[in-house]
PDB file of N, CA and C in Angstrom:
ATOM      1  N   MET A   1      -9.490 -15.311 -30.217  1.00  0.00           N
ATOM      2  CA  MET A   1     -10.155 -15.506 -31.488  1.00  0.00           C
ATOM      3  C   MET A   1     -10.137 -14.193 -32.253  1.00  0.00           C
ATOM      4  N   THR A   2     -10.518 -14.227 -33.506  1.00  0.00           N
ATOM      5  CA  THR A   2     -10.666 -12.999 -34.278  1.00  0.00           C
ATOM      6  C   THR A   2     -12.085 -12.481 -34.102  1.00  0.00           C
ATOM      7  N   SER A   3     -12.333 -11.268 -34.544  1.00  0.00           N
ATOM      8  CA  SER A   3     -13.671 -10.688 -34.414  1.00  0.00           C
ATOM      9  C   SER A   3     -14.700 -11.455 -35.245  1.00  0.00           C
ATOM     10  N   ASP A   4     -14.254 -12.218 -36.236  1.00  0.00           N
ATOM     11  CA  ASP A   4     -15.195 -13.026 -37.028  1.00  0.00           C
ATOM     12  C   ASP A   4     -15.828 -14.148 -36.213  1.00  0.00           C
ATOM     13  N   GLY A   5     -15.220 -14.515 -35.090  1.00  0.00           N
ATOM     14  CA  GLY A   5     -15.767 -15.570 -34.250  1.00  0.00           C
ATOM     15  C   GLY A   5     -16.947 -15.130 -33.416  1.00  0.00           C
ATOM     16  N   PHE A   6     -17.169 -13.820 -33.345  1.00  0.00           N
ATOM     17  CA  PHE A   6     -18.284 -13.293 -32.558  1.00  0.00           C
ATOM     18  C   PHE A   6     -19.532 -13.248 -33.414  1.00  0.00           C
ATOM     19  N   ASP A   7     -20.634 -13.770 -32.885  1.00  0.00           N
ATOM     20  CA  ASP A   7     -21.924 -13.761 -33.583  1.00  0.00           C
ATOM     21  C   ASP A   7     -22.822 -12.720 -32.920  1.00  0.00           C
ATOM     22  N   PRO A   8     -23.541 -11.902 -33.689  1.00  0.00           N
ATOM     23  CA  PRO A   8     -24.421 -10.887 -33.089  1.00  0.00           C
ATOM     24  C   PRO A   8     -25.526 -11.465 -32.212  1.00  0.00           C
ATOM     25  N   ASP A   9     -25.866 -12.747 -32.379  1.00  0.00           N
ATOM     26  CA  ASP A   9     -26.902 -13.391 -31.571  1.00  0.00           C
ATOM     27  C   ASP A   9     -26.258 -13.890 -30.272  1.00  0.00           C
ATOM     28  N   PRO A  10     -26.581 -13.280 -29.111  1.00  0.00           N
ATOM     29  CA  PRO A  10     -25.946 -13.690 -27.856  1.00  0.00           C
ATOM     30  C   PRO A  10     -26.058 -15.182 -27.561  1.00  0.00           C
ATOM     31  N   ALA A  11     -27.160 -15.808 -27.947  1.00  0.00           N
ATOM     32  CA  ALA A  11     -27.328 -17.242 -27.687  1.00  0.00           C
ATOM     33  C   ALA A  11     -26.303 -18.080 -28.446  1.00  0.00           C
ATOM     34  N   ALA A  12     -25.821 -17.575 -29.569  1.00  0.00           N
ATOM     35  CA  ALA A  12     -24.844 -18.324 -30.372  1.00  0.00           C
ATOM     36  C   ALA A  12     -23.437 -18.229 -29.797  1.00  0.00           C
ATOM     37  N   ASN A  13     -23.229 -17.372 -28.802  1.00  0.00           N
ATOM     38  CA  ASN A  13     -21.890 -17.155 -28.250  1.00  0.00           C
ATOM     39  C   ASN A  13     -21.629 -17.911 -26.954  1.00  0.00           C
ATOM     40  N   ARG A  14     -22.494 -18.814 -26.587  1.00  0.00           N
ATOM     41  CA  ARG A  14     -22.305 -19.545 -25.322  1.00  0.00           C
ATOM     42  C   ARG A  14     -20.984 -20.289 -25.281  1.00  0.00           C
ATOM     43  N   ASP A  15     -20.570 -20.839 -26.395  1.00  0.00           N
ATOM     44  CA  ASP A  15     -19.333 -21.623 -26.435  1.00  0.00           C
ATOM     45  C   ASP A  15     -18.088 -20.754 -26.351  1.00  0.00           C
ATOM     46  N   VAL A  16     -18.206 -19.462 -26.607  1.00  0.00           N
ATOM     47  CA  VAL A  16     -17.028 -18.590 -26.594  1.00  0.00           C
ATOM     48  C   VAL A  16     -17.053 -17.594 -25.433  1.00  0.00           C
ATOM     49  N   ASP A  17     -17.947 -17.808 -24.468  1.00  0.00           N
ATOM     50  CA  ASP A  17     -18.020 -16.910 -23.327  1.00  0.00           C
ATOM     51  C   ASP A  17     -16.663 -16.870 -22.622  1.00  0.00           C
ATOM     52  N   GLY A  18     -16.165 -15.673 -22.363  1.00  0.00           N
ATOM     53  CA  GLY A  18     -14.881 -15.498 -21.715  1.00  0.00           C
ATOM     54  C   GLY A  18     -13.715 -15.293 -22.666  1.00  0.00           C
ATOM     55  N   VAL A  19     -13.929 -15.506 -23.949  1.00  0.00           N
ATOM     56  CA  VAL A  19     -12.857 -15.385 -24.929  1.00  0.00           C
ATOM     57  C   VAL A  19     -12.592 -13.910 -25.244  1.00  0.00           C
ATOM     58  N   LEU A  20     -11.301 -13.566 -25.392  1.00  0.00           N
ATOM     59  CA  LEU A  20     -10.887 -12.221 -25.782  1.00  0.00           C
ATOM     60  C   LEU A  20     -10.746 -12.142 -27.293  1.00  0.00           C
ATOM     61  N   PHE A  21     -11.077 -10.965 -27.850  1.00  0.00           N
ATOM     62  CA  PHE A  21     -10.834 -10.743 -29.272  1.00  0.00           C
ATOM     63  C   PHE A  21     -10.638  -9.256 -29.530  1.00  0.00           C
ATOM     64  N   PRO A  22      -9.803  -8.929 -30.526  1.00  0.00           N
ATOM     65  CA  PRO A  22      -9.598  -7.519 -30.873  1.00  0.00           C
ATOM     66  C   PRO A  22     -10.624  -7.071 -31.903  1.00  0.00           C
ATOM     67  N   ASP A  23     -11.033  -5.826 -31.794  1.00  0.00           N
ATOM     68  CA  ASP A  23     -11.939  -5.264 -32.794  1.00  0.00           C
ATOM     69  C   ASP A  23     -11.828  -3.747 -32.744  1.00  0.00           C
ATOM     70  N   MET A  24     -12.431  -3.102 -33.701  1.00  0.00           N
ATOM     71  CA  MET A  24     -12.341  -1.655 -33.788  1.00  0.00           C
ATOM     72  C   MET A  24     -13.328  -0.975 -32.842  1.00  0.00           C
ATOM     73  N   PRO A  25     -12.936   0.186 -32.300  1.00  0.00           N
ATOM     74  CA  PRO A  25     -13.842   0.932 -31.426  1.00  0.00           C
ATOM     75  C   PRO A  25     -15.200   1.200 -32.079  1.00  0.00           C
ATOM     76  N   TRP A  26     -15.214   1.347 -33.391  1.00  0.00           N
ATOM     77  CA  TRP A  26     -16.442   1.601 -34.145  1.00  0.00           C
ATOM     78  C   TRP A  26     -17.508   0.558 -33.833  1.00  0.00           C
ATOM     79  N   LEU A  27     -17.092  -0.676 -33.574  1.00  0.00           N
ATOM     80  CA  LEU A  27     -18.052  -1.737 -33.286  1.00  0.00           C
ATOM     81  C   LEU A  27     -18.179  -2.031 -31.795  1.00  0.00           C
ATOM     82  N   LEU A  28     -17.172  -1.659 -30.998  1.00  0.00           N
ATOM     83  CA  LEU A  28     -17.189  -2.022 -29.581  1.00  0.00           C
ATOM     84  C   LEU A  28     -17.674  -0.932 -28.646  1.00  0.00           C
ATOM     85  N   ALA A  29     -17.439   0.330 -28.989  1.00  0.00           N
ATOM     86  CA  ALA A  29     -17.737   1.427 -28.060  1.00  0.00           C
ATOM     87  C   ALA A  29     -19.225   1.477 -27.723  1.00  0.00           C
ATOM     88  N   GLY A  30     -19.518   1.373 -26.431  1.00  0.00           N
ATOM     89  CA  GLY A  30     -20.903   1.459 -25.985  1.00  0.00           C
ATOM     90  C   GLY A  30     -21.305   2.865 -25.603  1.00  0.00           C
ATOM     91  N   SER A  31     -20.312   3.728 -25.348  1.00  0.00           N
ATOM     92  CA  SER A  31     -20.577   5.123 -24.994  1.00  0.00           C
ATOM     93  C   SER A  31     -19.378   5.958 -25.409  1.00  0.00           C
ATOM     94  N   GLY A  32     -19.546   7.266 -25.346  1.00  0.00           N
ATOM     95  CA  GLY A  32     -18.464   8.171 -25.704  1.00  0.00           C
ATOM     96  C   GLY A  32     -18.572   8.676 -27.129  1.00  0.00           C
ATOM     97  N   PRO A  33     -17.545   9.400 -27.582  1.00  0.00           N
ATOM     98  CA  PRO A  33     -17.598  10.053 -28.896  1.00  0.00           C
ATOM     99  C   PRO A  33     -17.788   9.085 -30.074  1.00  0.00           C
ATOM    100  N   VAL A  34     -17.130   7.926 -30.024  1.00  0.00           N
ATOM    101  CA  VAL A  34     -17.266   6.977 -31.141  1.00  0.00           C
ATOM    102  C   VAL A  34     -18.688   6.430 -31.199  1.00  0.00           C
ATOM    103  N   ALA A  35     -19.257   6.084 -30.046  1.00  0.00           N
ATOM    104  CA  ALA A  35     -20.634   5.587 -30.005  1.00  0.00           C
ATOM    105  C   ALA A  35     -21.614   6.666 -30.459  1.00  0.00           C
ATOM    106  N   GLU A  36     -21.363   7.912 -30.091  1.00  0.00           N
ATOM    107  CA  GLU A  36     -22.234   9.011 -30.513  1.00  0.00           C
ATOM    108  C   GLU A  36     -22.176   9.205 -32.025  1.00  0.00           C
ATOM    109  N   LEU A  37     -20.980   9.137 -32.585  1.00  0.00           N
ATOM    110  CA  LEU A  37     -20.831   9.260 -34.032  1.00  0.00           C
ATOM    111  C   LEU A  37     -21.530   8.110 -34.748  1.00  0.00           C
ATOM    112  N   ARG A  38     -21.348   6.898 -34.236  1.00  0.00           N
ATOM    113  CA  ARG A  38     -21.998   5.725 -34.825  1.00  0.00           C
ATOM    114  C   ARG A  38     -23.520   5.889 -34.787  1.00  0.00           C
ATOM    115  N   GLY A  39     -24.029   6.375 -33.665  1.00  0.00           N
ATOM    116  CA  GLY A  39     -25.470   6.615 -33.552  1.00  0.00           C
ATOM    117  C   GLY A  39     -25.958   7.687 -34.503  1.00  0.00           C
ATOM    118  N   ALA A  40     -25.109   8.709 -34.738  1.00  0.00           N
ATOM    119  CA  ALA A  40     -25.488   9.801 -35.640  1.00  0.00           C
ATOM    120  C   ALA A  40     -25.660   9.305 -37.079  1.00  0.00           C
ATOM    121  N   VAL A  41     -24.946   8.234 -37.441  1.00  0.00           N
ATOM    122  CA  VAL A  41     -25.120   7.680 -38.782  1.00  0.00           C
ATOM    123  C   VAL A  41     -26.111   6.518 -38.788  1.00  0.00           C
ATOM    124  N   GLY A  42     -26.736   6.260 -37.629  1.00  0.00           N
ATOM    125  CA  GLY A  42     -27.818   5.282 -37.557  1.00  0.00           C
ATOM    126  C   GLY A  42     -27.407   3.839 -37.387  1.00  0.00           C
ATOM    127  N   LEU A  43     -26.247   3.594 -36.775  1.00  0.00           N
ATOM    128  CA  LEU A  43     -25.801   2.215 -36.568  1.00  0.00           C
ATOM    129  C   LEU A  43     -25.866   1.853 -35.091  1.00  0.00           C
ATOM    130  N   PRO A  44     -26.529   0.734 -34.729  1.00  0.00           N
ATOM    131  CA  PRO A  44     -26.543   0.294 -33.336  1.00  0.00           C
ATOM    132  C   PRO A  44     -25.167  -0.270 -32.954  1.00  0.00           C
ATOM    133  N   PRO A  45     -24.877  -0.406 -31.630  1.00  0.00           N
ATOM    134  CA  PRO A  45     -23.554  -0.847 -31.210  1.00  0.00           C
ATOM    135  C   PRO A  45     -23.173  -2.255 -31.642  1.00  0.00           C
ATOM    136  N   VAL A  46     -24.070  -3.207 -31.572  1.00  0.00           N
ATOM    137  CA  VAL A  46     -23.746  -4.583 -31.941  1.00  0.00           C
ATOM    138  C   VAL A  46     -24.240  -4.838 -33.359  1.00  0.00           C
ATOM    139  N   PRO A  47     -23.359  -5.319 -34.246  1.00  0.00           N
ATOM    140  CA  PRO A  47     -23.783  -5.532 -35.624  1.00  0.00           C
ATOM    141  C   PRO A  47     -24.888  -6.558 -35.724  1.00  0.00           C
ATOM    142  N   GLU A  48     -25.799  -6.304 -36.629  1.00  0.00           N
ATOM    143  CA  GLU A  48     -26.850  -7.273 -36.887  1.00  0.00           C
ATOM    144  C   GLU A  48     -26.295  -8.350 -37.795  1.00  0.00           C
ATOM    145  N   ARG A  49     -26.934  -9.504 -37.782  1.00  0.00           N
ATOM    146  CA  ARG A  49     -26.464 -10.633 -38.580  1.00  0.00           C
ATOM    147  C   ARG A  49     -26.256 -10.212 -40.036  1.00  0.00           C
ATOM    148  N   GLY A  50     -25.064 -10.494 -40.545  1.00  0.00           N
ATOM    149  CA  GLY A  50     -24.758 -10.218 -41.943  1.00  0.00           C
ATOM    150  C   GLY A  50     -24.360  -8.786 -42.243  1.00  0.00           C
ATOM    151  N   GLY A  51     -24.380  -7.885 -41.270  1.00  0.00           N
ATOM    152  CA  GLY A  51     -24.085  -6.489 -41.559  1.00  0.00           C
ATOM    153  C   GLY A  51     -22.718  -6.016 -41.109  1.00  0.00           C
ATOM    154  N   GLY A  52     -21.905  -6.922 -40.545  1.00  0.00           N
ATOM    155  CA  GLY A  52     -20.622  -6.519 -39.976  1.00  0.00           C
ATOM    156  C   GLY A  52     -19.643  -5.937 -40.972  1.00  0.00           C
ATOM    157  N   SER A  53     -19.501  -6.548 -42.150  1.00  0.00           N
ATOM    158  CA  SER A  53     -18.476  -6.084 -43.085  1.00  0.00           C
ATOM    159  C   SER A  53     -18.816  -4.695 -43.626  1.00  0.00           C
ATOM    160  N   MET A  54     -20.073  -4.412 -43.904  1.00  0.00           N
ATOM    161  CA  MET A  54     -20.446  -3.082 -44.386  1.00  0.00           C
ATOM    162  C   MET A  54     -20.245  -2.039 -43.304  1.00  0.00           C
ATOM    163  N   ARG A  55     -20.530  -2.388 -42.056  1.00  0.00           N
ATOM    164  CA  ARG A  55     -20.326  -1.460 -40.940  1.00  0.00           C
ATOM    165  C   ARG A  55     -18.852  -1.112 -40.815  1.00  0.00           C
ATOM    166  N   ARG A  56     -17.989  -2.098 -41.017  1.00  0.00           N
ATOM    167  CA  ARG A  56     -16.543  -1.866 -40.942  1.00  0.00           C
ATOM    168  C   ARG A  56     -16.109  -0.893 -42.038  1.00  0.00           C
ATOM    169  N   LEU A  57     -16.670  -1.045 -43.226  1.00  0.00           N
ATOM    170  CA  LEU A  57     -16.298  -0.165 -44.332  1.00  0.00           C
ATOM    171  C   LEU A  57     -16.658   1.287 -44.045  1.00  0.00           C
ATOM    172  N   VAL A  58     -17.773   1.511 -43.378  1.00  0.00           N
ATOM    173  CA  VAL A  58     -18.154   2.878 -43.003  1.00  0.00           C
ATOM    174  C   VAL A  58     -17.082   3.461 -42.083  1.00  0.00           C
ATOM    175  N   GLY A  59     -16.632   2.678 -41.108  1.00  0.00           N
ATOM    176  CA  GLY A  59     -15.591   3.125 -40.194  1.00  0.00           C
ATOM    177  C   GLY A  59     -14.277   3.392 -40.915  1.00  0.00           C
ATOM    178  N   PHE A  60     -13.883   2.507 -41.832  1.00  0.00           N
ATOM    179  CA  PHE A  60     -12.644   2.708 -42.585  1.00  0.00           C
ATOM    180  C   PHE A  60     -12.729   3.973 -43.443  1.00  0.00           C
ATOM    181  N   GLY A  61     -13.874   4.215 -44.049  1.00  0.00           N
ATOM    182  CA  GLY A  61     -14.043   5.426 -44.859  1.00  0.00           C
ATOM    183  C   GLY A  61     -13.919   6.680 -44.020  1.00  0.00           C
ATOM    184  N   TYR A  62     -14.517   6.662 -42.839  1.00  0.00           N
ATOM    185  CA  TYR A  62     -14.429   7.812 -41.939  1.00  0.00           C
ATOM    186  C   TYR A  62     -12.972   8.066 -41.561  1.00  0.00           C
ATOM    187  N   ASP A  63     -12.265   7.002 -41.185  1.00  0.00           N
ATOM    188  CA  ASP A  63     -10.863   7.172 -40.792  1.00  0.00           C
ATOM    189  C   ASP A  63      -9.978   7.577 -41.965  1.00  0.00           C
ATOM    190  N   ALA A  64     -10.284   7.126 -43.165  1.00  0.00           N
ATOM    191  CA  ALA A  64      -9.499   7.533 -44.337  1.00  0.00           C
ATOM    192  C   ALA A  64      -9.565   9.048 -44.509  1.00  0.00           C
ATOM    193  N   ALA A  65     -10.742   9.616 -44.324  1.00  0.00           N
ATOM    194  CA  ALA A  65     -10.887  11.072 -44.435  1.00  0.00           C
ATOM    195  C   ALA A  65     -10.117  11.774 -43.313  1.00  0.00           C
ATOM    196  N   GLN A  66     -10.179  11.229 -42.094  1.00  0.00           N
ATOM    197  CA  GLN A  66      -9.455  11.820 -40.970  1.00  0.00           C
ATOM    198  C   GLN A  66      -7.941  11.744 -41.185  1.00  0.00           C
ATOM    199  N   LEU A  67      -7.474  10.648 -41.764  1.00  0.00           N
ATOM    200  CA  LEU A  67      -6.042  10.495 -42.027  1.00  0.00           C
ATOM    201  C   LEU A  67      -5.540  11.480 -43.081  1.00  0.00           C
ATOM    202  N   MET A  68      -6.364  11.764 -44.088  1.00  0.00           N
ATOM    203  CA  MET A  68      -5.962  12.737 -45.101  1.00  0.00           C
ATOM    204  C   MET A  68      -5.649  14.077 -44.452  1.00  0.00           C
ATOM    205  N   VAL A  69      -6.481  14.483 -43.527  1.00  0.00           N
ATOM    206  CA  VAL A  69      -6.277  15.749 -42.829  1.00  0.00           C
ATOM    207  C   VAL A  69      -5.033  15.659 -41.930  1.00  0.00           C
ATOM    208  N   ALA A  70      -4.914  14.565 -41.176  1.00  0.00           N
ATOM    209  CA  ALA A  70      -3.803  14.415 -40.232  1.00  0.00           C
ATOM    210  C   ALA A  70      -2.449  14.358 -40.940  1.00  0.00           C
ATOM    211  N   LEU A  71      -2.379  13.664 -42.061  1.00  0.00           N
ATOM    212  CA  LEU A  71      -1.112  13.524 -42.772  1.00  0.00           C
ATOM    213  C   LEU A  71      -0.636  14.838 -43.396  1.00  0.00           C
ATOM    214  N   ARG A  72      -1.561  15.733 -43.689  1.00  0.00           N
ATOM    215  CA  ARG A  72      -1.201  17.024 -44.283  1.00  0.00           C
ATOM    216  C   ARG A  72      -0.845  18.071 -43.227  1.00  0.00           C
ATOM    217  N   ASN A  73      -1.154  17.774 -41.978  1.00  0.00           N
ATOM    218  CA  ASN A  73      -0.937  18.742 -40.905  1.00  0.00           C
ATOM    219  C   ASN A  73       0.343  18.389 -40.145  1.00  0.00           C
ATOM    220  N   PRO A  74       1.374  19.228 -40.229  1.00  0.00           N
ATOM    221  CA  PRO A  74       2.618  18.926 -39.517  1.00  0.00           C
ATOM    222  C   PRO A  74       2.467  18.982 -37.991  1.00  0.00           C
ATOM    223  N   GLN A  75       1.376  19.543 -37.499  1.00  0.00           N
ATOM    224  CA  GLN A  75       1.134  19.635 -36.055  1.00  0.00           C
ATOM    225  C   GLN A  75       0.434  18.402 -35.489  1.00  0.00           C
ATOM    226  N   THR A  76       0.102  17.425 -36.329  1.00  0.00           N
ATOM    227  CA  THR A  76      -0.622  16.230 -35.869  1.00  0.00           C
ATOM    228  C   THR A  76       0.194  15.492 -34.815  1.00  0.00           C
ATOM    229  N   ARG A  77      -0.476  15.143 -33.742  1.00  0.00           N
ATOM    230  CA  ARG A  77       0.141  14.342 -32.681  1.00  0.00           C
ATOM    231  C   ARG A  77      -0.291  12.893 -32.886  1.00  0.00           C
ATOM    232  N   TRP A  78       0.683  12.037 -33.106  1.00  0.00           N
ATOM    233  CA  TRP A  78       0.413  10.614 -33.363  1.00  0.00           C
ATOM    234  C   TRP A  78       0.521   9.835 -32.070  1.00  0.00           C
ATOM    235  N   PRO A  79      -0.246   8.764 -31.884  1.00  0.00           N
ATOM    236  CA  PRO A  79      -1.253   8.242 -32.796  1.00  0.00           C
ATOM    237  C   PRO A  79      -2.537   9.061 -32.757  1.00  0.00           C
ATOM    238  N   VAL A  80      -3.292   8.975 -33.843  1.00  0.00           N
ATOM    239  CA  VAL A  80      -4.596   9.611 -33.960  1.00  0.00           C
ATOM    240  C   VAL A  80      -5.643   8.585 -33.530  1.00  0.00           C
ATOM    241  N   SER A  81      -6.570   9.003 -32.674  1.00  0.00           N
ATOM    242  CA  SER A  81      -7.642   8.094 -32.262  1.00  0.00           C
ATOM    243  C   SER A  81      -8.722   8.089 -33.333  1.00  0.00           C
ATOM    244  N   GLY A  82      -8.768   7.011 -34.108  1.00  0.00           N
ATOM    245  CA  GLY A  82      -9.777   6.863 -35.146  1.00  0.00           C
ATOM    246  C   GLY A  82     -10.898   5.970 -34.672  1.00  0.00           C
ATOM    247  N   VAL A  83     -11.925   5.838 -35.471  1.00  0.00           N
ATOM    248  CA  VAL A  83     -13.032   4.950 -35.105  1.00  0.00           C
ATOM    249  C   VAL A  83     -12.680   3.488 -35.359  1.00  0.00           C
ATOM    250  N   THR A  84     -11.610   3.240 -36.126  1.00  0.00           N
ATOM    251  CA  THR A  84     -11.176   1.862 -36.382  1.00  0.00           C
ATOM    252  C   THR A  84      -9.989   1.467 -35.523  1.00  0.00           C
ATOM    253  N   GLY A  85      -9.494   2.359 -34.673  1.00  0.00           N
ATOM    254  CA  GLY A  85      -8.367   2.076 -33.794  1.00  0.00           C
ATOM    255  C   GLY A  85      -7.452   3.277 -33.687  1.00  0.00           C
ATOM    256  N   ARG A  86      -6.330   3.087 -33.010  1.00  0.00           N
ATOM    257  CA  ARG A  86      -5.334   4.141 -32.904  1.00  0.00           C
ATOM    258  C   ARG A  86      -4.427   4.045 -34.119  1.00  0.00           C
ATOM    259  N   LEU A  87      -4.317   5.133 -34.872  1.00  0.00           N
ATOM    260  CA  LEU A  87      -3.658   5.131 -36.174  1.00  0.00           C
ATOM    261  C   LEU A  87      -2.378   5.951 -36.140  1.00  0.00           C
ATOM    262  N   GLN A  88      -1.343   5.420 -36.807  1.00  0.00           N
ATOM    263  CA  GLN A  88      -0.094   6.159 -36.917  1.00  0.00           C
ATOM    264  C   GLN A  88       0.707   5.645 -38.101  1.00  0.00           C
ATOM    265  N   PRO A  89       1.530   6.519 -38.676  1.00  0.00           N
ATOM    266  CA  PRO A  89       2.367   6.075 -39.788  1.00  0.00           C
ATOM    267  C   PRO A  89       3.324   4.985 -39.313  1.00  0.00           C
ATOM    268  N   GLY A  90       3.518   4.001 -40.165  1.00  0.00           N
ATOM    269  CA  GLY A  90       4.424   2.909 -39.844  1.00  0.00           C
ATOM    270  C   GLY A  90       5.470   2.740 -40.923  1.00  0.00           C
ATOM    271  N   ASP A  91       6.078   1.585 -40.948  1.00  0.00           N
ATOM    272  CA  ASP A  91       7.102   1.262 -41.939  1.00  0.00           C
ATOM    273  C   ASP A  91       6.510   1.210 -43.345  1.00  0.00           C
ATOM    274  N   GLU A  92       7.344   1.475 -44.317  1.00  0.00           N
ATOM    275  CA  GLU A  92       6.994   1.362 -45.731  1.00  0.00           C
ATOM    276  C   GLU A  92       5.748   2.152 -46.109  1.00  0.00           C
ATOM    277  N   ARG A  93       5.575   3.337 -45.468  1.00  0.00           N
ATOM    278  CA  ARG A  93       4.464   4.249 -45.784  1.00  0.00           C
ATOM    279  C   ARG A  93       3.095   3.609 -45.581  1.00  0.00           C
ATOM    280  N   ARG A  94       3.000   2.742 -44.609  1.00  0.00           N
ATOM    281  CA  ARG A  94       1.728   2.107 -44.268  1.00  0.00           C
ATOM    282  C   ARG A  94       1.230   2.665 -42.946  1.00  0.00           C
ATOM    283  N   ILE A  95      -0.075   2.620 -42.756  1.00  0.00           N
ATOM    284  CA  ILE A  95      -0.675   3.093 -41.511  1.00  0.00           C
ATOM    285  C   ILE A  95      -0.821   1.900 -40.565  1.00  0.00           C
ATOM    286  N   ARG A  96      -0.308   2.080 -39.368  1.00  0.00           N
ATOM    287  CA  ARG A  96      -0.452   1.053 -38.336  1.00  0.00           C
ATOM    288  C   ARG A  96      -1.748   1.337 -37.578  1.00  0.00           C
ATOM    289  N   ARG A  97      -2.502   0.282 -37.287  1.00  0.00           N
ATOM    290  CA  ARG A  97      -3.781   0.428 -36.583  1.00  0.00           C
ATOM    291  C   ARG A  97      -3.794  -0.512 -35.392  1.00  0.00           C
ATOM    292  N   ASP A  98      -3.875   0.048 -34.184  1.00  0.00           N
ATOM    293  CA  ASP A  98      -3.980  -0.752 -32.963  1.00  0.00           C
ATOM    294  C   ASP A  98      -5.446  -0.810 -32.556  1.00  0.00           C
ATOM    295  N   LEU A  99      -5.922  -1.997 -32.289  1.00  0.00           N
ATOM    296  CA  LEU A  99      -7.332  -2.229 -31.994  1.00  0.00           C
ATOM    297  C   LEU A  99      -7.628  -2.212 -30.501  1.00  0.00           C
ATOM    298  N   ASP A 100      -8.900  -2.144 -30.175  1.00  0.00           N
ATOM    299  CA  ASP A 100      -9.375  -2.311 -28.805  1.00  0.00           C
ATOM    300  C   ASP A 100      -9.636  -3.800 -28.576  1.00  0.00           C
ATOM    301  N   TRP A 101      -9.790  -4.165 -27.312  1.00  0.00           N
ATOM    302  CA  TRP A 101     -10.052  -5.561 -26.959  1.00  0.00           C
ATOM    303  C   TRP A 101     -11.418  -5.699 -26.314  1.00  0.00           C
ATOM    304  N   ALA A 102     -12.030  -6.839 -26.540  1.00  0.00           N
ATOM    305  CA  ALA A 102     -13.324  -7.153 -25.941  1.00  0.00           C
ATOM    306  C   ALA A 102     -13.274  -8.583 -25.424  1.00  0.00           C
ATOM    307  N   GLN A 103     -14.156  -8.856 -24.488  1.00  0.00           N
ATOM    308  CA  GLN A 103     -14.321 -10.215 -23.977  1.00  0.00           C
ATOM    309  C   GLN A 103     -15.798 -10.544 -24.059  1.00  0.00           C
ATOM    310  N   VAL A 104     -16.101 -11.747 -24.511  1.00  0.00           N
ATOM    311  CA  VAL A 104     -17.495 -12.177 -24.593  1.00  0.00           C
ATOM    312  C   VAL A 104     -17.952 -12.525 -23.184  1.00  0.00           C
ATOM    313  N   ARG A 105     -18.997 -11.809 -22.735  1.00  0.00           N
ATOM    314  CA  ARG A 105     -19.582 -12.046 -21.414  1.00  0.00           C
ATOM    315  C   ARG A 105     -21.089 -12.107 -21.571  1.00  0.00           C
ATOM    316  N   GLY A 106     -21.651 -13.229 -21.208  1.00  0.00           N
ATOM    317  CA  GLY A 106     -23.096 -13.390 -21.356  1.00  0.00           C
ATOM    318  C   GLY A 106     -23.536 -13.274 -22.802  1.00  0.00           C
ATOM    319  N   GLY A 107     -22.662 -13.643 -23.724  1.00  0.00           N
ATOM    320  CA  GLY A 107     -22.992 -13.616 -25.141  1.00  0.00           C
ATOM    321  C   GLY A 107     -22.775 -12.283 -25.828  1.00  0.00           C
ATOM    322  N   LEU A 108     -22.356 -11.250 -25.081  1.00  0.00           N
ATOM    323  CA  LEU A 108     -22.163  -9.917 -25.656  1.00  0.00           C
ATOM    324  C   LEU A 108     -20.717  -9.461 -25.460  1.00  0.00           C
ATOM    325  N   PRO A 109     -20.199  -8.640 -26.387  1.00  0.00           N
ATOM    326  CA  PRO A 109     -18.833  -8.149 -26.226  1.00  0.00           C
ATOM    327  C   PRO A 109     -18.779  -7.032 -25.180  1.00  0.00           C
ATOM    328  N   GLN A 110     -17.807  -7.116 -24.291  1.00  0.00           N
ATOM    329  CA  GLN A 110     -17.582  -6.095 -23.275  1.00  0.00           C
ATOM    330  C   GLN A 110     -16.154  -5.595 -23.433  1.00  0.00           C
ATOM    331  N   ALA A 111     -15.966  -4.294 -23.534  1.00  0.00           N
ATOM    332  CA  ALA A 111     -14.628  -3.724 -23.682  1.00  0.00           C
ATOM    333  C   ALA A 111     -13.793  -4.057 -22.444  1.00  0.00           C
ATOM    334  N   VAL A 112     -12.550  -4.446 -22.674  1.00  0.00           N
ATOM    335  CA  VAL A 112     -11.611  -4.787 -21.594  1.00  0.00           C
ATOM    336  C   VAL A 112     -10.231  -4.252 -21.969  1.00  0.00           C
ATOM    337  N   PRO A 113      -9.342  -4.090 -20.977  1.00  0.00           N
ATOM    338  CA  PRO A 113      -7.961  -3.736 -21.315  1.00  0.00           C
ATOM    339  C   PRO A 113      -7.344  -4.867 -22.125  1.00  0.00           C
ATOM    340  N   GLY A 114      -6.491  -4.532 -23.046  1.00  0.00           N
ATOM    341  CA  GLY A 114      -5.873  -5.537 -23.911  1.00  0.00           C
ATOM    342  C   GLY A 114      -4.880  -6.390 -23.165  1.00  0.00           C
ATOM    343  N   PRO A 115      -4.632  -7.599 -23.663  1.00  0.00           N
ATOM    344  CA  PRO A 115      -3.628  -8.462 -23.042  1.00  0.00           C
ATOM    345  C   PRO A 115      -2.237  -7.861 -23.237  1.00  0.00           C
ATOM    346  N   THR A 116      -1.348  -8.188 -22.341  1.00  0.00           N
ATOM    347  CA  THR A 116       0.020  -7.692 -22.444  1.00  0.00           C
ATOM    348  C   THR A 116       0.893  -8.749 -23.096  1.00  0.00           C
ATOM    349  N   GLY A 117       2.004  -8.297 -23.608  1.00  0.00           N
ATOM    350  CA  GLY A 117       2.932  -9.214 -24.276  1.00  0.00           C
ATOM    351  C   GLY A 117       3.624 -10.136 -23.299  1.00  0.00           C
ATOM    352  N   PRO A 118       4.460 -11.061 -23.828  1.00  0.00           N
ATOM    353  CA  PRO A 118       5.136 -12.048 -22.964  1.00  0.00           C
ATOM    354  C   PRO A 118       6.124 -11.414 -22.027  1.00  0.00           C
TER     355      PRO A 118
END
């Protein structure tokens, strides 16, 4: 499913328990540097009802600033670990963003290794 299928209310996720979905570290990280940064700006790990899209914009804004610095620095090692995913220049001057994966367990998202290709 997409990250839009996840509801912040654990009781509402009973039907999707076990389902995998991709999302940005900004919303999934329970510990580590991304979680610490999120806490420093006052955001809890699981989005509250109705607040997901604004939380995503904060993460995109943070990464936009980080990308400005990385793109100007010839020493940048790609991909760059951003709060919205692993970022790197792609085709047609676009930034490619690889997401983290989560699985709904007991109504809450738990970070898991991503599925592999065919």
